[in-house]
C-alpha atoms as a PDB file:
ATOM      1  CA  UNK A   1       0.000   0.000   0.000  1.00  0.00           C
ATOM      2  CA  UNK A   2       2.842   2.380   0.844  1.00  0.00           C
ATOM      3  CA  UNK A   3       4.494   1.674  -2.526  1.00  0.00           C
ATOM      4  CA  UNK A   4       1.297   2.588  -4.395  1.00  0.00           C
ATOM      5  CA  UNK A   5       0.992   5.846  -2.450  1.00  0.00           C
ATOM      6  CA  UNK A   6       4.625   6.806  -3.060  1.00  0.00           C
ATOM      7  CA  UNK A   7       4.487   6.045  -6.777  1.00  0.00           C
ATOM      8  CA  UNK A   8       1.230   8.000  -7.167  1.00  0.00           C
ATOM      9  CA  UNK A   9       2.672  10.971  -5.278  1.00  0.00           C
ATOM     10  CA  UNK A  10       5.801  10.831  -7.410  1.00  0.00           C
ATOM     11  CA  UNK A  11       3.778  10.832 -10.644  1.00  0.00           C
ATOM     12  CA  UNK A  12       1.719  13.825  -9.529  1.00  0.00           C
ATOM     13  CA  UNK A  13       4.887  15.786  -8.723  1.00  0.00           C
ATOM     14  CA  UNK A  14       6.334  14.998 -12.152  1.00  0.00           C
ATOM     15  CA  UNK A  15       3.219  16.056 -14.034  1.00  0.00           C
ATOM     16  CA  UNK A  16       3.323  19.668 -12.791  1.00  0.00           C
ATOM     17  CA  UNK A  17       3.499  21.845 -15.883  1.00  0.00           C
ATOM     18  CA  UNK A  18       2.689  25.419 -16.734  1.00  0.00           C
ATOM     19  CA  UNK A  19       1.817  27.176 -19.972  1.00  0.00           C
ATOM     20  CA  UNK A  20       3.128  30.491 -21.201  1.00  0.00           C
ATOM     21  CA  UNK A  21       2.073  32.531 -24.229  1.00  0.00           C
ATOM     22  CA  UNK A  22       4.929  34.597 -25.623  1.00  0.00           C
ATOM     23  CA  UNK A  23       4.371  37.355 -28.154  1.00  0.00           C
ATOM     24  CA  UNK A  24       7.046  36.932 -30.811  1.00  0.00           C
ATOM     25  CA  UNK A  25       8.064  39.005 -33.807  1.00  0.00           C
ATOM     26  CA  UNK A  26       6.795  36.513 -36.378  1.00  0.00           C
ATOM     27  CA  UNK A  27       6.282  38.400 -39.618  1.00  0.00           C
ATOM     28  CA  UNK A  28       5.785  35.590 -42.069  1.00  0.00           C
ATOM     29  CA  UNK A  29       2.433  33.896 -42.437  1.00  0.00           C
ATOM     30  CA  UNK A  30       3.740  30.590 -43.713  1.00  0.00           C
ATOM     31  CA  UNK A  31       6.235  29.410 -41.084  1.00  0.00           C
ATOM     32  CA  UNK A  32       4.496  26.049 -40.861  1.00  0.00           C
ATOM     33  CA  UNK A  33       4.479  25.648 -44.652  1.00  0.00           C
ATOM     34  CA  UNK A  34       8.101  26.407 -45.478  1.00  0.00           C
ATOM     35  CA  UNK A  35       9.442  24.929 -42.270  1.00  0.00           C
ATOM     36  CA  UNK A  36      12.282  27.392 -42.041  1.00  0.00           C
ATOM     37  CA  UNK A  37      11.574  29.854 -39.269  1.00  0.00           C
ATOM     38  CA  UNK A  38       8.802  27.927 -37.552  1.00  0.00           C
ATOM     39  CA  UNK A  39      11.000  24.886 -37.089  1.00  0.00           C
ATOM     40  CA  UNK A  40      13.993  27.052 -36.119  1.00  0.00           C
ATOM     41  CA  UNK A  41      11.902  28.639 -33.404  1.00  0.00           C
ATOM     42  CA  UNK A  42      10.462  25.328 -32.189  1.00  0.00           C
ATOM     43  CA  UNK A  43      13.873  23.624 -32.161  1.00  0.00           C
ATOM     44  CA  UNK A  44      15.361  26.444 -30.089  1.00  0.00           C
ATOM     45  CA  UNK A  45      12.672  26.075 -27.433  1.00  0.00           C
ATOM     46  CA  UNK A  46      12.679  22.269 -27.496  1.00  0.00           C
ATOM     47  CA  UNK A  47      16.440  22.325 -26.907  1.00  0.00           C
ATOM     48  CA  UNK A  48      15.754  23.507 -23.350  1.00  0.00           C
ATOM     49  CA  UNK A  49      15.208  20.952 -20.614  1.00  0.00           C
ATOM     50  CA  UNK A  50      11.661  20.756 -19.281  1.00  0.00           C
ATOM     51  CA  UNK A  51       9.839  21.735 -22.475  1.00  0.00           C
ATOM     52  CA  UNK A  52       6.763  19.590 -23.057  1.00  0.00           C
ATOM     53  CA  UNK A  53       5.089  21.258 -26.040  1.00  0.00           C
ATOM     54  CA  UNK A  54       5.657  24.203 -28.376  1.00  0.00           C
ATOM     55  CA  UNK A  55       2.973  25.645 -30.660  1.00  0.00           C
ATOM     56  CA  UNK A  56       3.826  28.504 -32.992  1.00  0.00           C
ATOM     57  CA  UNK A  57       0.821  30.558 -34.097  1.00  0.00           C
ATOM     58  CA  UNK A  58       2.164  32.746 -36.869  1.00  0.00           C
ATOM     59  CA  UNK A  59      -1.174  34.506 -37.388  1.00  0.00           C
ATOM     60  CA  UNK A  60      -1.450  35.565 -33.734  1.00  0.00           C
ATOM     61  CA  UNK A  61       2.337  36.078 -33.572  1.00  0.00           C
ATOM     62  CA  UNK A  62       2.587  33.968 -30.449  1.00  0.00           C
ATOM     63  CA  UNK A  63       4.461  30.952 -29.186  1.00  0.00           C
ATOM     64  CA  UNK A  64       2.598  28.809 -26.664  1.00  0.00           C
ATOM     65  CA  UNK A  65       4.888  26.694 -24.526  1.00  0.00           C
ATOM     66  CA  UNK A  66       4.009  23.992 -22.014  1.00  0.00           C
ATOM     67  CA  UNK A  67       6.949  23.504 -19.660  1.00  0.00           C
ATOM     68  CA  UNK A  68       8.101  22.171 -16.311  1.00  0.00           C
ATOM     69  CA  UNK A  69       8.847  25.216 -14.109  1.00  0.00           C
ATOM     70  CA  UNK A  70      11.271  23.169 -12.022  1.00  0.00           C
ATOM     71  CA  UNK A  71      13.535  22.737 -15.054  1.00  0.00           C
ATOM     72  CA  UNK A  72      13.173  25.928 -17.086  1.00  0.00           C
ATOM     73  CA  UNK A  73      11.998  29.503 -16.530  1.00  0.00           C
ATOM     74  CA  UNK A  74       9.904  31.742 -18.775  1.00  0.00           C
ATOM     75  CA  UNK A  75      12.913  34.040 -19.137  1.00  0.00           C
ATOM     76  CA  UNK A  76      15.069  31.168 -20.418  1.00  0.00           C
ATOM     77  CA  UNK A  77      12.377  30.357 -22.966  1.00  0.00           C
ATOM     78  CA  UNK A  78      12.240  33.985 -24.109  1.00  0.00           C
ATOM     79  CA  UNK A  79      16.042  34.100 -24.429  1.00  0.00           C
ATOM     80  CA  UNK A  80      16.047  30.912 -26.530  1.00  0.00           C
ATOM     81  CA  UNK A  81      13.545  32.496 -28.921  1.00  0.00           C
ATOM     82  CA  UNK A  82      15.557  35.727 -29.079  1.00  0.00           C
ATOM     83  CA  UNK A  83      18.773  33.812 -29.803  1.00  0.00           C
ATOM     84  CA  UNK A  84      17.318  32.550 -33.089  1.00  0.00           C
ATOM     85  CA  UNK A  85      16.288  36.016 -34.286  1.00  0.00           C
ATOM     86  CA  UNK A  86      12.816  36.742 -32.930  1.00  0.00           C
ATOM     87  CA  UNK A  87      11.685  39.239 -30.298  1.00  0.00           C
ATOM     88  CA  UNK A  88      10.059  37.429 -27.391  1.00  0.00           C
ATOM     89  CA  UNK A  89       7.887  39.682 -25.244  1.00  0.00           C
ATOM     90  CA  UNK A  90      10.358  42.244 -23.852  1.00  0.00           C
ATOM     91  CA  UNK A  91      13.502  40.319 -24.918  1.00  0.00           C
ATOM     92  CA  UNK A  92      14.869  41.702 -28.187  1.00  0.00           C
ATOM     93  CA  UNK A  93      16.043  39.415 -30.981  1.00  0.00           C
ATOM     94  CA  UNK A  94      19.751  38.737 -31.320  1.00  0.00           C
ATOM     95  CA  UNK A  95      20.809  41.019 -34.224  1.00  0.00           C
ATOM     96  CA  UNK A  96      23.183  38.468 -35.759  1.00  0.00           C
ATOM     97  CA  UNK A  97      20.556  35.708 -35.659  1.00  0.00           C
ATOM     98  CA  UNK A  98      17.982  38.092 -37.151  1.00  0.00           C
ATOM     99  CA  UNK A  99      20.163  38.666 -40.220  1.00  0.00           C
ATOM    100  CA  UNK A 100      20.180  34.891 -40.821  1.00  0.00           C
ATOM    101  CA  UNK A 101      16.381  34.655 -41.047  1.00  0.00           C
ATOM    102  CA  UNK A 102      14.781  34.187 -44.460  1.00  0.00           C
ATOM    103  CA  UNK A 103      13.743  37.490 -46.022  1.00  0.00           C
ATOM    104  CA  UNK A 104      10.046  36.587 -45.718  1.00  0.00           C
ATOM    105  CA  UNK A 105      10.473  36.268 -41.951  1.00  0.00           C
ATOM    106  CA  UNK A 106      11.894  39.753 -41.458  1.00  0.00           C
ATOM    107  CA  UNK A 107       9.813  42.856 -40.873  1.00  0.00           C
ATOM    108  CA  UNK A 108       9.062  44.411 -44.259  1.00  0.00           C
END
């Protein structure tokens, strides 16, 4: 009985996740179609420990992230997005990474 209680408690502790919606400077409306910037953005976030799900909504210019707050912080997620060339809320895009984006993904 004790083993069942401990394993159940352990599973509940592991399943604690939070969701954050980050406004990103996504200027192209086909990131999912061409796979260039959308996948670059997703890969950057997924490279962080504790990321469970990443959904890029290019029309709403947002990135929705489900994450484990014990392993990663919202600020780390924003910095990962900025490091691949996109603004993420109040974190400005890395200028060098921005120059590497496809032309369609830059502000026109």
